[in-house]
Protein backbone atom coordinates (compact mmCIF):
# COMPACT_ATOMS: atom_id res chain seq x y z
CA MET A 1 55.36 80.50 57.15
CA GLU A 2 58.82 80.99 55.77
CA VAL A 3 59.26 83.24 52.82
CA GLN A 4 61.73 82.90 50.64
CA ARG A 5 63.62 85.77 48.89
CA ALA A 6 64.80 85.55 44.98
CA GLU A 7 68.32 85.72 44.32
CA GLN A 8 69.33 88.74 42.37
CA PRO A 9 71.37 88.19 38.96
CA ASP A 10 74.53 89.09 41.11
CA GLY A 11 73.88 86.29 43.53
CA GLU A 12 73.36 88.93 46.34
CA HIS A 13 69.46 89.98 48.28
CA ASN A 14 68.09 92.92 47.61
CA GLY A 15 67.61 93.41 51.96
CA ARG A 16 71.06 92.92 52.02
CA LYS A 17 71.95 95.48 49.79
CA ASP A 18 69.49 98.22 50.82
CA LYS A 19 70.44 97.40 54.41
CA ASP A 20 74.98 97.90 53.78
CA THR A 21 73.31 101.13 52.30
CA ASN A 22 71.61 102.10 55.07
CA ASN A 23 73.90 100.87 57.31
CA GLU A 24 76.69 103.35 55.08
CA GLU A 25 74.86 106.39 54.69
CA ALA A 26 74.08 106.03 59.34
CA ARG A 27 78.09 105.79 59.42
CA ARG A 28 78.76 109.05 57.15
CA LEU A 29 75.39 110.65 58.88
CA ARG A 30 77.04 110.13 62.28
CA ARG A 31 80.20 111.47 60.90
CA LEU A 32 78.47 114.60 59.86
CA GLN A 33 77.15 115.06 62.88
CA VAL A 34 80.30 114.76 65.63
CA MET A 35 82.17 116.80 62.63
CA MET A 36 79.62 119.64 63.15
CA SER A 37 79.15 118.63 66.76
CA MET A 38 83.22 119.78 66.95
CA VAL A 39 83.33 122.31 64.86
CA MET A 40 80.65 124.25 66.99
CA SER A 41 82.15 123.27 69.56
CA VAL A 42 85.07 125.04 68.94
CA LEU A 43 83.90 127.95 67.38
CA SER A 44 81.93 128.87 70.32
CA GLN A 45 84.91 128.07 73.65
CA ASP A 46 88.12 128.60 71.62
CA PRO A 47 89.04 131.91 73.37
CA ASP A 48 92.00 132.30 70.62
CA LEU A 49 90.05 131.65 67.28
CA THR A 50 89.63 134.67 65.41
CA LEU A 51 86.84 135.35 63.07
CA GLU A 52 88.97 134.14 59.65
CA GLU A 53 90.02 131.28 61.51
CA ALA A 54 85.71 130.72 62.13
CA ALA A 55 84.97 131.55 58.86
CA GLU A 56 87.18 129.30 56.87
CA MET A 57 86.13 126.45 59.67
CA ALA A 58 82.77 127.06 58.54
CA ALA A 59 83.72 127.10 54.72
CA ASN A 60 85.61 123.46 55.42
CA ALA A 61 83.09 122.21 57.38
CA ARG A 62 80.22 122.61 54.67
CA ARG A 63 82.84 121.28 52.27
CA ALA A 64 83.61 118.44 53.81
CA ALA A 65 79.56 117.70 54.33
CA LEU A 66 78.85 117.77 51.07
CA ASN A 67 81.90 115.67 50.17
CA MET A 68 79.99 113.15 52.11
CA PHE A 69 76.46 114.55 50.69
CA PRO A 70 76.86 115.65 47.95
CA ASP A 71 73.05 116.77 46.33
CA LYS A 72 72.35 118.01 49.50
CA GLU A 73 73.12 121.65 49.90
CA LEU A 74 69.54 122.62 50.45
CA ALA A 75 69.42 120.24 53.55
CA TYR A 76 73.13 121.48 54.93
CA ASP A 77 71.92 125.42 54.42
CA LEU A 78 68.80 124.91 56.62
CA ILE A 79 69.89 122.82 59.31
CA TYR A 80 73.88 123.37 59.49
CA ARG A 81 74.42 127.15 58.19
CA PRO A 82 72.12 128.74 60.45
CA ARG A 83 73.86 127.30 63.41
CA LEU A 84 77.52 128.48 62.28
CA GLN A 85 76.17 131.77 61.69
CA ARG A 86 74.41 132.40 65.29
CA LEU A 87 77.38 130.52 67.36
CA MET A 88 79.70 133.47 65.05
CA ASN A 89 77.09 136.02 65.49
CA GLU A 90 77.40 135.53 69.31
CA ARG A 91 80.96 135.06 69.22
CA PHE A 92 82.31 138.05 67.66
CA ARG A 93 79.18 140.46 67.99
CA LEU A 94 78.43 140.55 64.40
CA GLN A 95 75.04 141.80 63.08
């Protein structure tokens, strides 16, 4: 049995819009994950990185993440902030 979907006034199906929205969000999420992985890699491996450069890199990563996902500051602070702080603490022996 095949069910036909009613077309929306603009001619688009709701399913297509939802799928496009989900695909776009998935792309942004993957981009964020790759970006944060690269930042964490540089923080932990670059022997010439100074504390100031590391802090600036972390701040720039936060700004970029919040540009990709506005209104998700709490999620960023719960997921990525502790990871970055731990890496900087280990790398620069902070406490």
